[in-house]
Protein backbone atom coordinates (compact mmCIF):
# COMPACT_ATOMS: atom_id res chain seq x y z
CA UNK A 1 -19.68 -2.15 -24.01
CA UNK A 2 -22.73 -0.96 -23.79
CA UNK A 3 -23.84 0.75 -20.79
CA UNK A 4 -25.40 3.30 -18.22
CA UNK A 5 -24.86 6.10 -16.12
CA UNK A 6 -26.67 9.57 -13.95
CA UNK A 7 -23.36 11.29 -15.61
CA UNK A 8 -20.58 10.58 -18.21
CA UNK A 9 -17.30 12.82 -17.97
CA UNK A 10 -15.26 12.60 -21.34
CA UNK A 11 -11.46 13.43 -20.86
CA UNK A 12 -9.57 11.74 -17.87
CA UNK A 13 -7.32 14.81 -17.24
CA UNK A 14 -7.21 17.50 -14.30
CA UNK A 15 -10.57 18.93 -14.59
CA UNK A 16 -12.19 15.23 -15.40
CA UNK A 17 -10.73 13.67 -12.18
CA UNK A 18 -11.97 16.86 -10.23
CA UNK A 19 -15.39 16.43 -11.68
CA UNK A 20 -15.02 12.76 -10.96
CA UNK A 21 -14.22 13.77 -7.15
CA UNK A 22 -16.48 16.09 -6.42
CA UNK A 23 -19.94 13.97 -8.21
CA UNK A 24 -18.58 11.46 -5.75
CA UNK A 25 -18.92 13.61 -2.38
CA UNK A 26 -22.56 14.17 -3.73
CA UNK A 27 -23.04 10.29 -4.04
CA UNK A 28 -24.14 10.64 -7.90
CA UNK A 29 -22.98 7.28 -9.87
CA UNK A 30 -20.61 8.60 -12.99
CA UNK A 31 -18.00 7.01 -15.31
CA UNK A 32 -15.09 8.62 -16.35
CA UNK A 33 -13.98 7.76 -19.83
CA UNK A 34 -10.15 8.58 -21.24
CA UNK A 35 -8.91 7.68 -24.44
CA UNK A 36 -5.69 6.61 -23.00
CA UNK A 37 -4.05 6.91 -19.81
CA UNK A 38 -5.42 9.29 -16.72
CA UNK A 39 -3.31 13.01 -17.67
CA UNK A 40 -2.22 11.44 -21.24
CA UNK A 41 -0.91 14.55 -22.38
CA UNK A 42 1.33 15.66 -19.57
CA UNK A 43 3.55 11.86 -20.31
CA UNK A 44 3.13 11.82 -23.97
CA UNK A 45 2.63 15.29 -25.72
CA UNK A 46 5.05 17.53 -23.87
CA UNK A 47 8.74 17.96 -23.86
CA UNK A 48 10.79 15.54 -21.97
CA UNK A 49 12.45 18.04 -18.95
CA UNK A 50 8.97 19.76 -18.69
CA UNK A 51 8.42 20.42 -15.09
CA UNK A 52 4.90 22.84 -14.06
CA UNK A 53 5.20 26.69 -14.45
CA UNK A 54 4.02 26.67 -11.20
CA UNK A 55 5.11 25.57 -7.50
CA UNK A 56 3.90 22.66 -6.11
CA UNK A 57 2.21 24.13 -3.25
CA UNK A 58 0.13 25.88 -5.49
CA UNK A 59 -0.22 23.89 -8.99
CA UNK A 60 -2.80 21.03 -7.02
CA UNK A 61 -6.16 20.11 -5.59
CA UNK A 62 -6.73 21.63 -2.27
CA UNK A 63 -7.16 18.40 -0.82
CA UNK A 64 -3.78 16.54 -1.42
CA UNK A 65 -0.25 17.87 -1.68
CA UNK A 66 2.60 16.47 -3.47
CA UNK A 67 3.95 14.41 -0.95
CA UNK A 68 7.35 13.75 -1.64
CA UNK A 69 8.82 17.06 -3.32
CA UNK A 70 9.35 20.58 -1.69
CA UNK A 71 6.38 22.82 -1.67
CA UNK A 72 8.17 25.49 -3.21
CA UNK A 73 9.34 23.41 -6.06
CA UNK A 74 8.18 22.59 -9.51
CA UNK A 75 7.35 19.25 -10.17
CA UNK A 76 8.13 17.66 -13.61
CA UNK A 77 5.59 16.19 -16.09
CA UNK A 78 6.01 12.64 -14.91
CA UNK A 79 5.14 13.38 -11.50
CA UNK A 80 2.35 15.75 -12.01
CA UNK A 81 0.93 12.92 -13.84
CA UNK A 82 1.66 10.47 -11.50
CA UNK A 83 -0.17 13.05 -8.80
CA UNK A 84 -3.86 12.63 -10.78
CA UNK A 85 -2.76 8.53 -11.37
CA UNK A 86 -2.92 8.20 -7.28
CA UNK A 87 -5.48 10.52 -6.20
CA UNK A 88 -7.66 8.72 -8.26
CA UNK A 89 -7.14 5.81 -7.12
CA UNK A 90 -6.51 6.77 -3.61
CA UNK A 91 -10.74 7.97 -3.73
CA UNK A 92 -11.09 5.13 -6.54
CA UNK A 93 -12.75 7.25 -8.99
CA UNK A 94 -14.62 5.49 -11.74
CA UNK A 95 -12.42 6.04 -14.74
CA UNK A 96 -12.32 3.38 -17.66
CA UNK A 97 -8.78 4.06 -19.60
CA UNK A 98 -8.62 3.23 -23.11
CA UNK A 99 -11.79 4.12 -24.19
CA UNK A 100 -11.85 6.91 -26.66
CA UNK A 101 -15.30 8.73 -27.19
CA UNK A 102 -16.22 8.68 -31.08
CA UNK A 103 -19.38 10.20 -30.96
CA UNK A 104 -21.57 12.52 -28.63
CA UNK A 105 -25.02 12.85 -29.58
CA UNK A 106 -28.65 13.93 -28.21
CA UNK A 107 -30.75 10.49 -26.90
CA UNK A 108 -34.23 11.14 -25.45
CA UNK A 109 -33.85 13.56 -22.56
CA UNK A 110 -30.35 12.78 -22.04
CA UNK A 111 -27.64 11.52 -24.19
CA UNK A 112 -25.39 8.31 -26.25
CA UNK A 113 -21.66 8.45 -26.55
CA UNK A 114 -20.24 6.02 -29.16
CA UNK A 115 -17.17 4.82 -27.64
CA UNK A 116 -13.95 2.45 -29.06
CA UNK A 117 -15.62 0.19 -26.88
CA UNK A 118 -19.64 -0.04 -27.49
CA UNK A 119 -22.19 2.76 -26.05
CA UNK A 120 -22.86 4.99 -23.06
CA UNK A 121 -26.39 6.61 -22.27
CA UNK A 122 -26.04 9.24 -19.46
CA UNK A 123 -28.67 11.96 -18.61
CA UNK A 124 -25.84 14.40 -17.63
CA UNK A 125 -22.42 15.02 -19.74
CA UNK A 126 -19.40 16.96 -18.70
CA UNK A 127 -16.68 17.58 -21.66
CA UNK A 128 -13.50 17.34 -19.83
CA UNK A 129 -11.43 17.11 -22.90
CA UNK A 130 -9.25 19.93 -22.55
CA UNK A 131 -7.78 23.10 -24.57
CA UNK A 132 -4.79 21.53 -26.06
CA UNK A 133 -6.50 19.49 -28.92
CA UNK A 134 -5.36 20.29 -32.38
CA UNK A 135 -1.69 21.88 -32.67
CA UNK A 136 -1.72 25.17 -34.90
CA UNK A 137 0.69 26.06 -37.03
CA UNK A 138 0.12 29.37 -38.77
CA UNK A 139 2.32 29.60 -41.29
CA UNK A 140 3.06 26.97 -44.25
CA UNK A 141 7.04 26.37 -44.55
CA UNK A 142 7.18 24.30 -48.09
CA UNK A 143 10.48 22.44 -47.61
CA UNK A 144 10.96 19.15 -47.36
CA UNK A 145 14.47 19.74 -46.52
CA UNK A 146 13.44 21.20 -42.79
CA UNK A 147 12.39 19.14 -40.43
CA UNK A 148 9.01 20.66 -38.66
CA UNK A 149 6.83 20.01 -35.51
CA UNK A 150 4.87 21.53 -33.19
CA UNK A 151 5.88 22.10 -29.45
CA UNK A 152 3.63 18.97 -28.36
CA UNK A 153 5.64 16.70 -30.76
CA UNK A 154 9.37 18.47 -29.38
CA UNK A 155 10.75 16.36 -27.01
CA UNK A 156 14.69 17.09 -26.96
CA UNK A 157 17.49 18.71 -28.03
CA UNK A 158 19.57 15.78 -29.53
CA UNK A 159 16.15 14.12 -31.25
CA UNK A 160 16.31 17.29 -33.58
CA UNK A 161 18.71 17.17 -36.93
CA UNK A 162 21.70 18.96 -36.84
CA UNK A 163 21.56 23.25 -38.10
CA UNK A 164 20.30 25.92 -36.19
CA UNK A 165 16.67 25.69 -34.67
CA UNK A 166 13.96 28.18 -35.45
CA UNK A 167 11.59 28.36 -32.69
CA UNK A 168 8.36 30.05 -33.56
CA UNK A 169 6.10 31.30 -30.56
CA UNK A 170 7.19 33.14 -27.38
CA UNK A 171 4.63 31.72 -24.62
CA UNK A 172 6.09 29.22 -21.71
CA UNK A 173 6.95 26.44 -24.07
CA UNK A 174 8.33 28.51 -27.03
CA UNK A 175 10.63 29.86 -24.41
CA UNK A 176 11.25 27.25 -22.45
CA UNK A 177 12.51 24.92 -25.80
CA UNK A 178 14.53 28.21 -26.82
CA UNK A 179 16.45 28.32 -23.87
CA UNK A 180 17.01 24.73 -23.46
CA UNK A 181 17.78 24.32 -27.14
CA UNK A 182 20.50 27.10 -26.58
CA UNK A 183 21.81 25.68 -23.11
CA UNK A 184 21.95 22.46 -25.26
CA UNK A 185 24.97 24.20 -27.24
CA UNK A 186 22.26 24.43 -30.14
CA UNK A 187 22.44 27.78 -32.57
CA UNK A 188 18.55 29.17 -31.67
CA UNK A 189 16.34 32.01 -33.31
CA UNK A 190 13.55 32.65 -31.75
CA UNK A 191 10.57 34.59 -33.18
CA UNK A 192 8.26 36.37 -30.57
CA UNK A 193 4.80 37.65 -30.63
CA UNK A 194 2.97 40.13 -28.16
CA UNK A 195 3.33 38.43 -24.68
CA UNK A 196 2.72 39.04 -20.95
CA UNK A 197 5.56 38.19 -18.67
CA UNK A 198 5.50 38.51 -15.13
CA UNK A 199 8.51 38.04 -12.53
CA UNK A 200 8.99 34.71 -11.06
CA UNK A 201 9.43 35.74 -7.62
CA UNK A 202 9.07 39.16 -6.30
CA UNK A 203 9.73 40.40 -2.82
CA UNK A 204 10.00 36.78 -1.63
CA UNK A 205 6.75 35.64 -3.01
CA UNK A 206 6.27 33.35 -5.98
CA UNK A 207 4.30 35.34 -8.83
CA UNK A 208 1.30 32.75 -7.86
CA UNK A 209 1.14 34.32 -4.95
CA UNK A 210 0.75 37.69 -6.08
CA UNK A 211 -1.91 37.04 -8.78
CA UNK A 212 -4.24 35.72 -5.91
CA UNK A 213 -3.39 38.52 -3.66
CA UNK A 214 -4.48 40.86 -6.64
CA UNK A 215 -7.48 39.37 -7.45
CA UNK A 216 -6.43 38.16 -10.77
CA UNK A 217 -7.11 34.60 -10.84
CA UNK A 218 -11.05 35.68 -10.06
CA UNK A 219 -10.91 37.86 -13.19
CA UNK A 220 -13.64 36.66 -15.27
CA UNK A 221 -12.64 37.50 -18.86
CA UNK A 222 -9.24 38.64 -20.34
CA UNK A 223 -8.53 42.68 -20.43
CA UNK A 224 -10.17 43.70 -23.51
CA UNK A 225 -7.18 43.14 -26.84
CA UNK A 226 -5.76 40.90 -24.73
CA UNK A 227 -7.38 37.75 -26.03
CA UNK A 228 -4.48 36.00 -27.84
CA UNK A 229 -1.33 37.88 -25.53
CA UNK A 230 0.17 35.26 -24.74
CA UNK A 231 2.06 34.44 -21.27
CA UNK A 232 5.56 33.89 -21.06
CA UNK A 233 6.62 32.04 -17.55
CA UNK A 234 8.68 29.22 -16.37
CA UNK A 235 9.27 26.91 -13.61
CA UNK A 236 12.20 25.47 -15.51
CA UNK A 237 16.09 25.76 -13.82
CA UNK A 238 14.19 26.21 -10.29
CA UNK A 239 11.90 29.08 -11.66
CA UNK A 240 12.70 32.44 -13.05
CA UNK A 241 11.53 35.50 -14.73
CA UNK A 242 11.45 34.55 -18.62
CA UNK A 243 13.63 37.83 -19.49
CA UNK A 244 14.07 37.81 -23.66
CA UNK A 245 17.33 39.66 -22.84
CA UNK A 246 18.93 37.07 -21.23
CA UNK A 247 17.71 34.44 -23.81
CA UNK A 248 19.93 36.83 -25.94
CA UNK A 249 22.58 37.24 -23.92
CA UNK A 250 22.96 33.07 -24.28
CA UNK A 251 23.32 33.63 -27.44
CA UNK A 252 19.68 33.21 -28.79
CA UNK A 253 18.80 35.19 -32.10
CA UNK A 254 15.63 36.99 -31.44
CA UNK A 255 12.46 37.98 -34.32
CA UNK A 256 9.42 39.43 -35.05
CA UNK A 257 5.87 37.88 -35.30
CA UNK A 258 6.53 35.14 -38.16
CA UNK A 259 4.87 35.86 -41.23
CA UNK A 260 4.49 34.84 -44.93
CA UNK A 261 6.89 32.40 -46.32
CA UNK A 262 7.75 32.82 -49.74
CA UNK A 263 10.43 31.72 -52.18
CA UNK A 264 12.75 30.02 -49.22
CA UNK A 265 12.16 33.60 -47.36
CA UNK A 266 10.38 33.41 -44.03
CA UNK A 267 9.23 36.94 -43.20
CA UNK A 268 8.85 38.32 -39.71
CA UNK A 269 6.44 41.84 -38.62
CA UNK A 270 8.47 44.87 -37.80
CA UNK A 271 7.07 44.81 -34.25
CA UNK A 272 9.91 42.77 -31.75
CA UNK A 273 11.06 45.95 -30.14
CA UNK A 274 7.28 47.12 -29.50
CA UNK A 275 6.45 43.29 -28.20
CA UNK A 276 9.66 43.09 -26.02
CA UNK A 277 8.84 46.32 -24.34
CA UNK A 278 4.93 45.87 -24.13
CA UNK A 279 5.81 42.73 -22.26
CA UNK A 280 8.65 45.18 -19.85
CA UNK A 281 5.68 46.82 -19.10
CA UNK A 282 3.41 43.86 -17.87
CA UNK A 283 6.37 42.72 -16.16
CA UNK A 284 6.60 46.52 -14.15
CA UNK A 285 2.77 46.46 -13.75
CA UNK A 286 3.08 43.49 -11.50
CA UNK A 287 5.91 45.10 -9.73
CA UNK A 288 3.71 48.16 -9.39
CA UNK A 289 0.60 46.67 -8.03
CA UNK A 290 2.36 44.44 -6.05
CA UNK A 291 4.14 47.01 -4.33
CA UNK A 292 1.09 48.78 -3.67
CA UNK A 293 -0.95 46.22 -2.18
CA UNK A 294 2.40 45.41 0.14
CA UNK A 295 2.32 49.10 1.34
CA UNK A 296 -1.34 49.11 1.39
CA UNK A 297 -1.54 46.19 3.98
CA UNK A 298 1.40 46.77 5.88
CA UNK A 299 3.35 43.47 4.53
CA UNK A 300 6.54 42.97 5.80
CA UNK A 301 8.48 42.20 2.51
CA UNK A 302 11.86 42.97 1.73
CA UNK A 303 11.97 45.55 -1.25
CA UNK A 304 13.69 44.67 -4.05
CA UNK A 305 14.62 47.58 -6.24
CA UNK A 306 17.00 45.45 -8.82
CA UNK A 307 13.94 43.86 -9.89
CA UNK A 308 13.62 46.90 -11.79
CA UNK A 309 16.67 46.89 -13.54
CA UNK A 310 17.13 45.62 -17.36
CA UNK A 311 20.04 44.31 -19.58
CA UNK A 312 19.98 46.85 -22.39
CA UNK A 313 18.67 45.75 -25.62
CA UNK A 314 20.18 43.52 -27.95
CA UNK A 315 21.20 44.26 -31.20
CA UNK A 316 19.28 41.54 -32.71
CA UNK A 317 16.24 44.13 -31.17
CA UNK A 318 17.66 47.12 -31.98
CA UNK A 319 18.36 46.09 -36.56
CA UNK A 320 15.60 43.37 -36.22
CA UNK A 321 16.19 40.70 -38.80
CA UNK A 322 12.65 41.02 -41.22
CA UNK A 323 12.72 38.06 -43.50
CA UNK A 324 15.44 35.28 -43.30
CA UNK A 325 16.71 32.90 -46.00
CA UNK A 326 16.23 29.50 -44.30
CA UNK A 327 18.71 27.47 -46.20
CA UNK A 328 21.33 30.38 -46.05
CA UNK A 329 20.92 30.26 -42.17
CA UNK A 330 21.32 26.53 -42.47
CA UNK A 331 17.89 26.28 -40.91
CA UNK A 332 17.39 22.07 -39.85
CA UNK A 333 14.19 22.74 -37.72
CA UNK A 334 11.07 24.50 -37.21
CA UNK A 335 9.46 23.72 -33.60
CA UNK A 336 6.07 25.74 -33.90
CA UNK A 337 5.18 26.67 -30.50
CA UNK A 338 1.76 28.43 -31.99
CA UNK A 339 -0.57 26.92 -29.21
CA UNK A 340 -4.14 24.83 -29.66
CA UNK A 341 -7.77 24.48 -31.15
CA UNK A 342 -10.47 22.87 -29.80
CA UNK A 343 -11.64 20.01 -31.84
CA UNK A 344 -14.92 19.41 -31.00
CA UNK A 345 -15.92 17.85 -34.24
CA UNK A 346 -17.10 14.62 -32.30
CA UNK A 347 -19.90 15.98 -30.47
CA UNK A 348 -23.07 16.26 -32.88
CA UNK A 349 -25.11 18.81 -31.10
CA UNK A 350 -25.54 22.56 -32.17
CA UNK A 351 -24.18 24.39 -28.94
CA UNK A 352 -20.90 25.31 -30.71
CA UNK A 353 -19.95 28.72 -32.08
CA UNK A 354 -18.70 29.09 -35.67
CA UNK A 355 -14.97 29.00 -34.83
CA UNK A 356 -15.76 25.74 -32.67
CA UNK A 357 -15.71 26.89 -29.79
CA UNK A 358 -19.01 25.61 -27.06
CA UNK A 359 -21.36 27.97 -26.20
CA UNK A 360 -21.51 28.22 -22.46
CA UNK A 361 -21.55 30.36 -19.36
CA UNK A 362 -19.63 29.32 -17.00
CA UNK A 363 -19.41 25.66 -18.57
CA UNK A 364 -23.32 25.83 -18.63
CA UNK A 365 -24.75 25.10 -22.09
CA UNK A 366 -28.13 25.73 -23.49
CA UNK A 367 -28.33 22.09 -24.07
CA UNK A 368 -29.97 20.57 -20.68
CA UNK A 369 -27.63 18.08 -19.08
CA UNK A 370 -24.41 19.11 -21.12
CA UNK A 371 -21.43 20.77 -19.15
CA UNK A 372 -17.92 22.18 -20.03
CA UNK A 373 -15.10 22.24 -18.06
CA UNK A 374 -11.00 22.51 -17.84
CA UNK A 375 -10.81 25.19 -20.79
CA UNK A 376 -9.69 29.15 -20.34
CA UNK A 377 -11.54 31.57 -18.73
CA UNK A 378 -14.17 28.75 -18.30
CA UNK A 379 -15.67 31.04 -15.56
CA UNK A 380 -12.49 32.91 -14.37
CA UNK A 381 -8.87 33.33 -15.39
CA UNK A 382 -8.09 30.43 -12.82
CA UNK A 383 -10.46 27.91 -14.60
CA UNK A 384 -7.79 26.23 -16.59
CA UNK A 385 -5.12 25.09 -13.55
CA UNK A 386 -5.43 23.02 -11.54
CA UNK A 387 -6.66 24.37 -8.72
CA UNK A 388 -9.50 26.03 -11.04
CA UNK A 389 -10.66 22.98 -12.30
CA UNK A 390 -11.48 21.86 -8.97
CA UNK A 391 -13.55 24.97 -7.80
CA UNK A 392 -14.99 24.97 -11.44
CA UNK A 393 -16.09 21.06 -10.75
CA UNK A 394 -17.53 21.36 -7.28
CA UNK A 395 -19.64 24.46 -8.97
CA UNK A 396 -20.64 22.16 -11.79
CA UNK A 397 -21.23 19.04 -9.74
CA UNK A 398 -23.41 20.89 -7.16
CA UNK A 399 -25.50 22.21 -9.71
CA UNK A 400 -25.79 18.37 -11.62
CA UNK A 401 -26.73 17.19 -7.80
CA UNK A 402 -29.21 19.90 -7.29
CA UNK A 403 -31.08 18.52 -10.49
CA UNK A 404 -33.08 16.06 -8.26
CA UNK A 405 -32.98 13.48 -10.76
CA UNK A 406 -33.09 10.14 -9.50
CA UNK A 407 -29.43 8.98 -9.72
CA UNK A 408 -30.58 4.83 -10.04
């Protein structure tokens, strides 16, 4: 395959499919390359029971609904993947699957992509490979007797060896996996760092609705000091607020942020109570802003005073464990729900910060014709979400079309 196109999109997930649809509206010739299947990470890099963290009415493209489920339900991962596949097929988007881009470089006034099936020249390139590229495991636990895996490799409780399971990281993935394991009868320890934990629903509305009304989705950058604070939210079990006191009541032992591993012991920071209480403050701040908005706009929404009532702090928070003998605790597996790093090592163009993040403004790089899409905070808080990728794609496609190049 030696080909040429006006615009090459690399990646066939939500951002790549959205960009293709928007370029199609402008009548611009383009091609989408996906190394596996459309929305592959939803299919093969997530656990079996995963559902979307937002309801079906929200987590979608504006032009296509989930037509076979309740709008307030949380679609499972296979349904989400099929949504993108059906969307691409219905619009006959030019997606080539099973083609991996090995290298991207400048070529004259455009670009050359060296792929697993040949080369492709393009005047413009939109990199849509997303943020979930290289799993991060921050602490080395050198013990061959303990199975260790990243959350992207976890599938279900039955796939783990016998023994206690330590889950490190309490964002959406870690908290949901820990709860699933506890519900399956496993003994679970959960390491919790700084986090936000919004209410799943409040006064009859989902939290994504409130974030829209409060203007949170349009925020251009995270609040200073919160860049690495994760969000713990869940659509599992019909959707519920992720409350760590409730997880403790299920039998999960809560721990502070994981630190060094030395001589068979994993050490934890003495920050557990602070992390829990800061999460509570974040939760309450959302309720306060929602109440103020409802009052200011005269919304007829039922008040919900019980939403401000918390269970008592459990003993594991009041007297936290600061180091853990992994063998004494019969740890059989560690699941590292510790996030991802981007990996753009295949792009041979000087457009990256020292830490590997691309230099861009709202997805537009200093290299003419090179764009990024689908990254967190690309243009605003909503950029990494399905509908947010659609809005960014609409904007970038408009910019590409406005360049006035001959699309032939």
